[in-house]
């Protein structure tokens, strides 16, 4: 029976060590102060920065394309036809 008890102790100590290593890797030296709530706030702020960057890029693209269309509209159209165009017969 003592073998089973020793095995349980080893398993629990390994689990505790892995949890501590994981927390140290995720949170660094200040793992006691970094909570899930703080990490969630950082994630939310990062997502918002990404959304704003994408919206800015889309806005710049829209204004560039609309200004290019406006320039195209303001330029006089030149005709490239060389002669009269005859309609094609219907089948």
PDB file of N, CA and C in Angstrom:
ATOM      1  N   UNK A   1       0.817  -1.187   0.000  1.00  0.00           N
ATOM      2  CA  UNK A   1       0.000   0.000   0.000  1.00  0.00           C
ATOM      3  C   UNK A   1       0.859   1.247   0.000  1.00  0.00           C
ATOM      4  N   UNK A   2       2.042   1.178   0.571  1.00  0.00           N
ATOM      5  CA  UNK A   2       2.900   2.364   0.625  1.00  0.00           C
ATOM      6  C   UNK A   2       3.409   2.736  -0.759  1.00  0.00           C
ATOM      7  N   UNK A   3       3.516   1.757  -1.680  1.00  0.00           N
ATOM      8  CA  UNK A   3       3.955   2.034  -3.046  1.00  0.00           C
ATOM      9  C   UNK A   3       2.949   2.892  -3.778  1.00  0.00           C
ATOM     10  N   UNK A   4       1.671   2.637  -3.539  1.00  0.00           N
ATOM     11  CA  UNK A   4       0.617   3.408  -4.175  1.00  0.00           C
ATOM     12  C   UNK A   4       0.612   4.844  -3.641  1.00  0.00           C
ATOM     13  N   UNK A   5       0.842   4.989  -2.348  1.00  0.00           N
ATOM     14  CA  UNK A   5       0.876   6.312  -1.732  1.00  0.00           C
ATOM     15  C   UNK A   5       2.056   7.122  -2.273  1.00  0.00           C
ATOM     16  N   UNK A   6       3.197   6.490  -2.412  1.00  0.00           N
ATOM     17  CA  UNK A   6       4.380   7.157  -2.933  1.00  0.00           C
ATOM     18  C   UNK A   6       4.154   7.584  -4.386  1.00  0.00           C
ATOM     19  N   UNK A   7       3.539   6.735  -5.173  1.00  0.00           N
ATOM     20  CA  UNK A   7       3.237   7.064  -6.569  1.00  0.00           C
ATOM     21  C   UNK A   7       2.310   8.263  -6.672  1.00  0.00           C
ATOM     22  N   UNK A   8       1.318   8.353  -5.797  1.00  0.00           N
ATOM     23  CA  UNK A   8       0.402   9.482  -5.784  1.00  0.00           C
ATOM     24  C   UNK A   8       1.141  10.769  -5.439  1.00  0.00           C
ATOM     25  N   UNK A   9       2.055  10.690  -4.473  1.00  0.00           N
ATOM     26  CA  UNK A   9       2.844  11.872  -4.092  1.00  0.00           C
ATOM     27  C   UNK A   9       3.704  12.360  -5.256  1.00  0.00           C
ATOM     28  N   UNK A  10       4.303  11.423  -5.958  1.00  0.00           N
ATOM     29  CA  UNK A  10       5.151  11.779  -7.091  1.00  0.00           C
ATOM     30  C   UNK A  10       4.311  12.450  -8.177  1.00  0.00           C
ATOM     31  N   UNK A  11       3.160  11.874  -8.462  1.00  0.00           N
ATOM     32  CA  UNK A  11       2.290  12.444  -9.484  1.00  0.00           C
ATOM     33  C   UNK A  11       1.831  13.857  -9.112  1.00  0.00           C
ATOM     34  N   UNK A  12       1.469  14.071  -7.849  1.00  0.00           N
ATOM     35  CA  UNK A  12       1.038  15.397  -7.405  1.00  0.00           C
ATOM     36  C   UNK A  12       2.182  16.397  -7.468  1.00  0.00           C
ATOM     37  N   UNK A  13       3.382  15.986  -7.077  1.00  0.00           N
ATOM     38  CA  UNK A  13       4.513  16.910  -7.113  1.00  0.00           C
ATOM     39  C   UNK A  13       4.891  17.263  -8.553  1.00  0.00           C
ATOM     40  N   UNK A  14       4.769  16.306  -9.463  1.00  0.00           N
ATOM     41  CA  UNK A  14       5.044  16.583 -10.877  1.00  0.00           C
ATOM     42  C   UNK A  14       3.997  17.560 -11.424  1.00  0.00           C
ATOM     43  N   UNK A  15       2.738  17.378 -11.052  1.00  0.00           N
ATOM     44  CA  UNK A  15       1.674  18.274 -11.507  1.00  0.00           C
ATOM     45  C   UNK A  15       1.894  19.697 -10.984  1.00  0.00           C
ATOM     46  N   UNK A  16       2.292  19.810  -9.717  1.00  0.00           N
ATOM     47  CA  UNK A  16       2.555  21.124  -9.135  1.00  0.00           C
ATOM     48  C   UNK A  16       3.743  21.780  -9.830  1.00  0.00           C
ATOM     49  N   UNK A  17       4.788  21.015 -10.088  1.00  0.00           N
ATOM     50  CA  UNK A  17       5.967  21.564 -10.749  1.00  0.00           C
ATOM     51  C   UNK A  17       5.629  22.033 -12.159  1.00  0.00           C
ATOM     52  N   UNK A  18       4.852  21.254 -12.898  1.00  0.00           N
ATOM     53  CA  UNK A  18       4.460  21.667 -14.251  1.00  0.00           C
ATOM     54  C   UNK A  18       3.614  22.931 -14.224  1.00  0.00           C
ATOM     55  N   UNK A  19       2.688  23.012 -13.264  1.00  0.00           N
ATOM     56  CA  UNK A  19       1.853  24.209 -13.151  1.00  0.00           C
ATOM     57  C   UNK A  19       2.704  25.432 -12.840  1.00  0.00           C
ATOM     58  N   UNK A  20       3.661  25.294 -11.940  1.00  0.00           N
ATOM     59  CA  UNK A  20       4.534  26.418 -11.598  1.00  0.00           C
ATOM     60  C   UNK A  20       5.403  26.828 -12.785  1.00  0.00           C
ATOM     61  N   UNK A  21       5.913  25.867 -13.524  1.00  0.00           N
ATOM     62  CA  UNK A  21       6.724  26.191 -14.706  1.00  0.00           C
ATOM     63  C   UNK A  21       5.875  26.883 -15.774  1.00  0.00           C
ATOM     64  N   UNK A  22       4.654  26.390 -15.969  1.00  0.00           N
ATOM     65  CA  UNK A  22       3.760  27.005 -16.954  1.00  0.00           C
ATOM     66  C   UNK A  22       3.436  28.441 -16.554  1.00  0.00           C
ATOM     67  N   UNK A  23       3.132  28.680 -15.273  1.00  0.00           N
ATOM     68  CA  UNK A  23       2.829  30.031 -14.811  1.00  0.00           C
ATOM     69  C   UNK A  23       4.050  30.937 -14.922  1.00  0.00           C
ATOM     70  N   UNK A  24       5.221  30.401 -14.620  1.00  0.00           N
ATOM     71  CA  UNK A  24       6.437  31.199 -14.749  1.00  0.00           C
ATOM     72  C   UNK A  24       6.690  31.562 -16.202  1.00  0.00           C
ATOM     73  N   UNK A  25       6.423  30.635 -17.109  1.00  0.00           N
ATOM     74  CA  UNK A  25       6.623  30.913 -18.541  1.00  0.00           C
ATOM     75  C   UNK A  25       5.599  31.926 -19.047  1.00  0.00           C
ATOM     76  N   UNK A  26       4.352  31.794 -18.598  1.00  0.00           N
ATOM     77  CA  UNK A  26       3.309  32.704 -19.066  1.00  0.00           C
ATOM     78  C   UNK A  26       3.411  34.094 -18.457  1.00  0.00           C
ATOM     79  N   UNK A  27       3.691  34.169 -17.168  1.00  0.00           N
ATOM     80  CA  UNK A  27       3.598  35.437 -16.452  1.00  0.00           C
ATOM     81  C   UNK A  27       4.940  36.021 -16.032  1.00  0.00           C
ATOM     82  N   UNK A  28       6.005  35.283 -16.120  1.00  0.00           N
ATOM     83  CA  UNK A  28       7.317  35.802 -15.743  1.00  0.00           C
ATOM     84  C   UNK A  28       7.484  35.902 -14.233  1.00  0.00           C
ATOM     85  N   UNK A  29       8.340  36.826 -13.803  1.00  0.00           N
ATOM     86  CA  UNK A  29       8.634  36.955 -12.375  1.00  0.00           C
ATOM     87  C   UNK A  29       7.448  37.495 -11.584  1.00  0.00           C
ATOM     88  N   UNK A  30       6.606  38.289 -12.208  1.00  0.00           N
ATOM     89  CA  UNK A  30       5.476  38.895 -11.511  1.00  0.00           C
ATOM     90  C   UNK A  30       4.209  38.067 -11.649  1.00  0.00           C
ATOM     91  N   UNK A  31       4.346  36.747 -11.609  1.00  0.00           N
ATOM     92  CA  UNK A  31       3.180  35.903 -11.832  1.00  0.00           C
ATOM     93  C   UNK A  31       2.132  36.054 -10.744  1.00  0.00           C
ATOM     94  N   UNK A  32       2.529  36.527  -9.556  1.00  0.00           N
ATOM     95  CA  UNK A  32       1.546  36.722  -8.495  1.00  0.00           C
ATOM     96  C   UNK A  32       0.639  37.911  -8.817  1.00  0.00           C
ATOM     97  N   UNK A  33       1.147  38.913  -9.525  1.00  0.00           N
ATOM     98  CA  UNK A  33       0.350  40.099  -9.841  1.00  0.00           C
ATOM     99  C   UNK A  33      -0.420  39.949 -11.148  1.00  0.00           C
ATOM    100  N   UNK A  34       0.082  39.175 -12.070  1.00  0.00           N
ATOM    101  CA  UNK A  34      -0.595  38.998 -13.362  1.00  0.00           C
ATOM    102  C   UNK A  34      -1.691  37.960 -13.229  1.00  0.00           C
ATOM    103  N   UNK A  35      -2.892  38.413 -13.346  1.00  0.00           N
ATOM    104  CA  UNK A  35      -4.031  37.506 -13.243  1.00  0.00           C
ATOM    105  C   UNK A  35      -4.634  37.320 -14.624  1.00  0.00           C
ATOM    106  N   UNK A  36      -5.575  36.442 -14.707  1.00  0.00           N
ATOM    107  CA  UNK A  36      -6.271  36.201 -15.969  1.00  0.00           C
ATOM    108  C   UNK A  36      -6.998  37.455 -16.429  1.00  0.00           C
ATOM    109  N   UNK A  37      -7.524  38.227 -15.487  1.00  0.00           N
ATOM    110  CA  UNK A  37      -8.241  39.451 -15.830  1.00  0.00           C
ATOM    111  C   UNK A  37      -7.306  40.437 -16.526  1.00  0.00           C
ATOM    112  N   UNK A  38      -6.094  40.588 -16.023  1.00  0.00           N
ATOM    113  CA  UNK A  38      -5.127  41.493 -16.640  1.00  0.00           C
ATOM    114  C   UNK A  38      -4.737  40.998 -18.022  1.00  0.00           C
ATOM    115  N   UNK A  39      -4.557  39.700 -18.173  1.00  0.00           N
ATOM    116  CA  UNK A  39      -4.196  39.136 -19.471  1.00  0.00           C
ATOM    117  C   UNK A  39      -5.327  39.326 -20.474  1.00  0.00           C
ATOM    118  N   UNK A  40      -6.569  39.191 -20.009  1.00  0.00           N
ATOM    119  CA  UNK A  40      -7.716  39.392 -20.883  1.00  0.00           C
ATOM    120  C   UNK A  40      -7.782  40.849 -21.334  1.00  0.00           C
ATOM    121  N   UNK A  41      -7.482  41.765 -20.439  1.00  0.00           N
ATOM    122  CA  UNK A  41      -7.471  43.181 -20.798  1.00  0.00           C
ATOM    123  C   UNK A  41      -6.412  43.488 -21.847  1.00  0.00           C
ATOM    124  N   UNK A  42      -5.250  42.885 -21.703  1.00  0.00           N
ATOM    125  CA  UNK A  42      -4.185  43.083 -22.688  1.00  0.00           C
ATOM    126  C   UNK A  42      -4.584  42.505 -24.038  1.00  0.00           C
ATOM    127  N   UNK A  43      -5.231  41.357 -24.034  1.00  0.00           N
ATOM    128  CA  UNK A  43      -5.692  40.744 -25.276  1.00  0.00           C
ATOM    129  C   UNK A  43      -6.737  41.624 -25.945  1.00  0.00           C
ATOM    130  N   UNK A  44      -7.678  42.149 -25.178  1.00  0.00           N
ATOM    131  CA  UNK A  44      -8.715  43.018 -25.718  1.00  0.00           C
ATOM    132  C   UNK A  44      -8.106  44.285 -26.313  1.00  0.00           C
ATOM    133  N   UNK A  45      -7.139  44.879 -25.622  1.00  0.00           N
ATOM    134  CA  UNK A  45      -6.478  46.084 -26.135  1.00  0.00           C
ATOM    135  C   UNK A  45      -5.741  45.779 -27.437  1.00  0.00           C
ATOM    136  N   UNK A  46      -5.094  44.639 -27.515  1.00  0.00           N
ATOM    137  CA  UNK A  46      -4.387  44.253 -28.742  1.00  0.00           C
ATOM    138  C   UNK A  46      -5.352  44.070 -29.903  1.00  0.00           C
ATOM    139  N   UNK A  47      -6.480  43.442 -29.644  1.00  0.00           N
ATOM    140  CA  UNK A  47      -7.480  43.249 -30.694  1.00  0.00           C
ATOM    141  C   UNK A  47      -8.018  44.599 -31.156  1.00  0.00           C
ATOM    142  N   UNK A  48      -8.270  45.521 -30.243  1.00  0.00           N
ATOM    143  CA  UNK A  48      -8.775  46.839 -30.609  1.00  0.00           C
ATOM    144  C   UNK A  48      -7.756  47.606 -31.452  1.00  0.00           C
ATOM    145  N   UNK A  49      -6.488  47.504 -31.127  1.00  0.00           N
ATOM    146  CA  UNK A  49      -5.448  48.158 -31.924  1.00  0.00           C
ATOM    147  C   UNK A  49      -5.431  47.574 -33.330  1.00  0.00           C
ATOM    148  N   UNK A  50      -5.563  46.267 -33.445  1.00  0.00           N
ATOM    149  CA  UNK A  50      -5.625  45.624 -34.752  1.00  0.00           C
ATOM    150  C   UNK A  50      -6.831  46.073 -35.559  1.00  0.00           C
ATOM    151  N   UNK A  51      -7.981  46.184 -34.906  1.00  0.00           N
ATOM    152  CA  UNK A  51      -9.201  46.627 -35.584  1.00  0.00           C
ATOM    153  C   UNK A  51      -9.035  48.058 -36.091  1.00  0.00           C
ATOM    154  N   UNK A  52      -8.460  48.924 -35.259  1.00  0.00           N
ATOM    155  CA  UNK A  52      -8.255  50.306 -35.679  1.00  0.00           C
ATOM    156  C   UNK A  52      -7.270  50.400 -36.846  1.00  0.00           C
ATOM    157  N   UNK A  53      -6.232  49.587 -36.826  1.00  0.00           N
ATOM    158  CA  UNK A  53      -5.263  49.582 -37.924  1.00  0.00           C
ATOM    159  C   UNK A  53      -5.924  49.117 -39.224  1.00  0.00           C
ATOM    160  N   UNK A  54      -6.739  48.077 -39.150  1.00  0.00           N
ATOM    161  CA  UNK A  54      -7.448  47.595 -40.346  1.00  0.00           C
ATOM    162  C   UNK A  54      -8.428  48.633 -40.863  1.00  0.00           C
ATOM    163  N   UNK A  55      -9.138  49.286 -39.965  1.00  0.00           N
ATOM    164  CA  UNK A  55     -10.094  50.316 -40.388  1.00  0.00           C
ATOM    165  C   UNK A  55      -9.357  51.484 -41.036  1.00  0.00           C
ATOM    166  N   UNK A  56      -8.218  51.851 -40.499  1.00  0.00           N
ATOM    167  CA  UNK A  56      -7.423  52.922 -41.095  1.00  0.00           C
ATOM    168  C   UNK A  56      -6.952  52.566 -42.490  1.00  0.00           C
ATOM    169  N   UNK A  57      -6.474  51.359 -42.660  1.00  0.00           N
ATOM    170  CA  UNK A  57      -6.026  50.914 -43.993  1.00  0.00           C
ATOM    171  C   UNK A  57      -7.183  50.886 -44.985  1.00  0.00           C
ATOM    172  N   UNK A  58      -8.340  50.408 -44.555  1.00  0.00           N
ATOM    173  CA  UNK A  58      -9.502  50.363 -45.437  1.00  0.00           C
ATOM    174  C   UNK A  58      -9.950  51.776 -45.801  1.00  0.00           C
ATOM    175  N   UNK A  59      -9.921  52.703 -44.850  1.00  0.00           N
ATOM    176  CA  UNK A  59     -10.300  54.082 -45.127  1.00  0.00           C
ATOM    177  C   UNK A  59      -9.366  54.747 -46.120  1.00  0.00           C
ATOM    178  N   UNK A  60      -8.062  54.550 -45.940  1.00  0.00           N
ATOM    179  CA  UNK A  60      -7.085  55.124 -46.866  1.00  0.00           C
ATOM    180  C   UNK A  60      -7.291  54.549 -48.264  1.00  0.00           C
ATOM    181  N   UNK A  61      -7.519  53.251 -48.360  1.00  0.00           N
ATOM    182  CA  UNK A  61      -7.751  52.618 -49.654  1.00  0.00           C
ATOM    183  C   UNK A  61      -9.012  53.163 -50.319  1.00  0.00           C
ATOM    184  N   UNK A  62     -10.065  53.340 -49.550  1.00  0.00           N
ATOM    185  CA  UNK A  62     -11.311  53.873 -50.099  1.00  0.00           C
ATOM    186  C   UNK A  62     -11.108  55.280 -50.650  1.00  0.00           C
ATOM    187  N   UNK A  63     -10.454  56.138 -49.876  1.00  0.00           N
ATOM    188  CA  UNK A  63     -10.263  57.513 -50.321  1.00  0.00           C
ATOM    189  C   UNK A  63      -9.327  57.595 -51.522  1.00  0.00           C
ATOM    190  N   UNK A  64      -8.331  56.738 -51.593  1.00  0.00           N
ATOM    191  CA  UNK A  64      -7.450  56.729 -52.758  1.00  0.00           C
ATOM    192  C   UNK A  64      -8.211  56.290 -54.007  1.00  0.00           C
ATOM    193  N   UNK A  65      -9.026  55.248 -53.887  1.00  0.00           N
ATOM    194  CA  UNK A  65      -9.771  54.777 -55.057  1.00  0.00           C
ATOM    195  C   UNK A  65     -10.827  55.790 -55.469  1.00  0.00           C
ATOM    196  N   UNK A  66     -11.483  56.432 -54.513  1.00  0.00           N
ATOM    197  CA  UNK A  66     -12.497  57.428 -54.880  1.00  0.00           C
ATOM    198  C   UNK A  66     -11.854  58.658 -55.504  1.00  0.00           C
ATOM    199  N   UNK A  67     -10.677  59.064 -55.051  1.00  0.00           N
ATOM    200  CA  UNK A  67     -10.011  60.211 -55.662  1.00  0.00           C
ATOM    201  C   UNK A  67      -9.512  59.850 -57.059  1.00  0.00           C
ATOM    202  N   UNK A  68      -9.089  58.615 -57.274  1.00  0.00           N
ATOM    203  CA  UNK A  68      -8.661  58.183 -58.609  1.00  0.00           C
ATOM    204  C   UNK A  68      -9.859  58.174 -59.567  1.00  0.00           C
ATOM    205  N   UNK A  69     -11.019  57.732 -59.094  1.00  0.00           N
ATOM    206  CA  UNK A  69     -12.222  57.754 -59.925  1.00  0.00           C
ATOM    207  C   UNK A  69     -12.627  59.185 -60.245  1.00  0.00           C
ATOM    208  N   UNK A  70     -12.483  60.076 -59.284  1.00  0.00           N
ATOM    209  CA  UNK A  70     -12.834  61.479 -59.495  1.00  0.00           C
ATOM    210  C   UNK A  70     -11.903  62.114 -60.524  1.00  0.00           C
ATOM    211  N   UNK A  71     -10.620  61.803 -60.466  1.00  0.00           N
ATOM    212  CA  UNK A  71      -9.673  62.315 -61.453  1.00  0.00           C
ATOM    213  C   UNK A  71     -10.010  61.772 -62.842  1.00  0.00           C
ATOM    214  N   UNK A  72     -10.374  60.498 -62.914  1.00  0.00           N
ATOM    215  CA  UNK A  72     -10.726  59.881 -64.191  1.00  0.00           C
ATOM    216  C   UNK A  72     -11.981  60.523 -64.770  1.00  0.00           C
ATOM    217  N   UNK A  73     -12.929  60.850 -63.912  1.00  0.00           N
ATOM    218  CA  UNK A  73     -14.177  61.454 -64.341  1.00  0.00           C
ATOM    219  C   UNK A  73     -13.947  62.882 -64.863  1.00  0.00           C
ATOM    220  N   UNK A  74     -13.013  63.609 -64.270  1.00  0.00           N
ATOM    221  CA  UNK A  74     -12.762  64.989 -64.645  1.00  0.00           C
ATOM    222  C   UNK A  74     -11.939  65.122 -65.919  1.00  0.00           C
ATOM    223  N   UNK A  75     -11.236  64.088 -66.320  1.00  0.00           N
ATOM    224  CA  UNK A  75     -10.440  64.158 -67.535  1.00  0.00           C
ATOM    225  C   UNK A  75     -11.347  64.010 -68.750  1.00  0.00           C
ATOM    226  N   UNK A  76     -11.054  64.768 -69.849  1.00  0.00           N
ATOM    227  CA  UNK A  76     -11.895  64.633 -71.039  1.00  0.00           C
ATOM    228  C   UNK A  76     -11.694  63.271 -71.689  1.00  0.00           C
ATOM    229  N   UNK A  77     -12.776  62.709 -72.163  1.00  0.00           N
ATOM    230  CA  UNK A  77     -12.727  61.388 -72.799  1.00  0.00           C
ATOM    231  C   UNK A  77     -12.285  61.556 -74.244  1.00  0.00           C
ATOM    232  N   UNK A  78     -11.380  60.721 -74.688  1.00  0.00           N
ATOM    233  CA  UNK A  78     -10.926  60.751 -76.085  1.00  0.00           C
ATOM    234  C   UNK A  78     -11.470  59.527 -76.782  1.00  0.00           C
ATOM    235  N   UNK A  79     -11.931  59.716 -77.999  1.00  0.00           N
ATOM    236  CA  UNK A  79     -12.517  58.622 -78.763  1.00  0.00           C
ATOM    237  C   UNK A  79     -11.415  57.873 -79.490  1.00  0.00           C
ATOM    238  N   UNK A  80     -11.443  56.570 -79.449  1.00  0.00           N
ATOM    239  CA  UNK A  80     -10.437  55.732 -80.090  1.00  0.00           C
ATOM    240  C   UNK A  80     -10.968  55.042 -81.335  1.00  0.00           C
ATOM    241  N   UNK A  81     -12.177  55.349 -81.767  1.00  0.00           N
ATOM    242  CA  UNK A  81     -12.742  54.666 -82.933  1.00  0.00           C
ATOM    243  C   UNK A  81     -12.132  55.237 -84.209  1.00  0.00           C
ATOM    244  N   UNK A  82     -11.918  54.387 -85.193  1.00  0.00           N
ATOM    245  CA  UNK A  82     -11.296  54.800 -86.452  1.00  0.00           C
ATOM    246  C   UNK A  82     -12.296  54.933 -87.580  1.00  0.00           C
ATOM    247  N   UNK A  83     -13.463  54.441 -87.420  1.00  0.00           N
ATOM    248  CA  UNK A  83     -14.453  54.529 -88.489  1.00  0.00           C
ATOM    249  C   UNK A  83     -15.812  54.134 -87.969  1.00  0.00           C
ATOM    250  N   UNK A  84     -16.804  54.090 -88.854  1.00  0.00           N
ATOM    251  CA  UNK A  84     -18.148  53.706 -88.411  1.00  0.00           C
ATOM    252  C   UNK A  84     -18.200  52.234 -88.027  1.00  0.00           C
ATOM    253  N   UNK A  85     -18.986  51.950 -87.036  1.00  0.00           N
ATOM    254  CA  UNK A  85     -19.139  50.577 -86.548  1.00  0.00           C
ATOM    255  C   UNK A  85     -20.457  50.046 -87.087  1.00  0.00           C
ATOM    256  N   UNK A  86     -20.401  48.944 -87.790  1.00  0.00           N
ATOM    257  CA  UNK A  86     -21.616  48.345 -88.325  1.00  0.00           C
ATOM    258  C   UNK A  86     -22.136  47.316 -87.339  1.00  0.00           C
ATOM    259  N   UNK A  87     -23.444  47.236 -87.158  1.00  0.00           N
ATOM    260  CA  UNK A  87     -23.988  46.240 -86.224  1.00  0.00           C
ATOM    261  C   UNK A  87     -23.795  44.833 -86.761  1.00  0.00           C
ATOM    262  N   UNK A  88     -23.594  43.921 -85.874  1.00  0.00           N
ATOM    263  CA  UNK A  88     -23.417  42.528 -86.263  1.00  0.00           C
ATOM    264  C   UNK A  88     -24.778  41.901 -86.524  1.00  0.00           C
ATOM    265  N   UNK A  89     -24.893  41.021 -87.532  1.00  0.00           N
ATOM    266  CA  UNK A  89     -26.203  40.410 -87.838  1.00  0.00           C
ATOM    267  C   UNK A  89     -26.625  39.460 -86.718  1.00  0.00           C
ATOM    268  N   UNK A  90     -27.917  39.458 -86.474  1.00  0.00           N
ATOM    269  CA  UNK A  90     -28.470  38.534 -85.466  1.00  0.00           C
ATOM    270  C   UNK A  90     -28.709  37.185 -86.103  1.00  0.00           C
ATOM    271  N   UNK A  91     -28.488  36.166 -85.429  1.00  0.00           N
ATOM    272  CA  UNK A  91     -28.672  34.812 -85.949  1.00  0.00           C
ATOM    273  C   UNK A  91     -30.003  34.265 -85.573  1.00  0.00           C
TER     274      UNK A  91
END
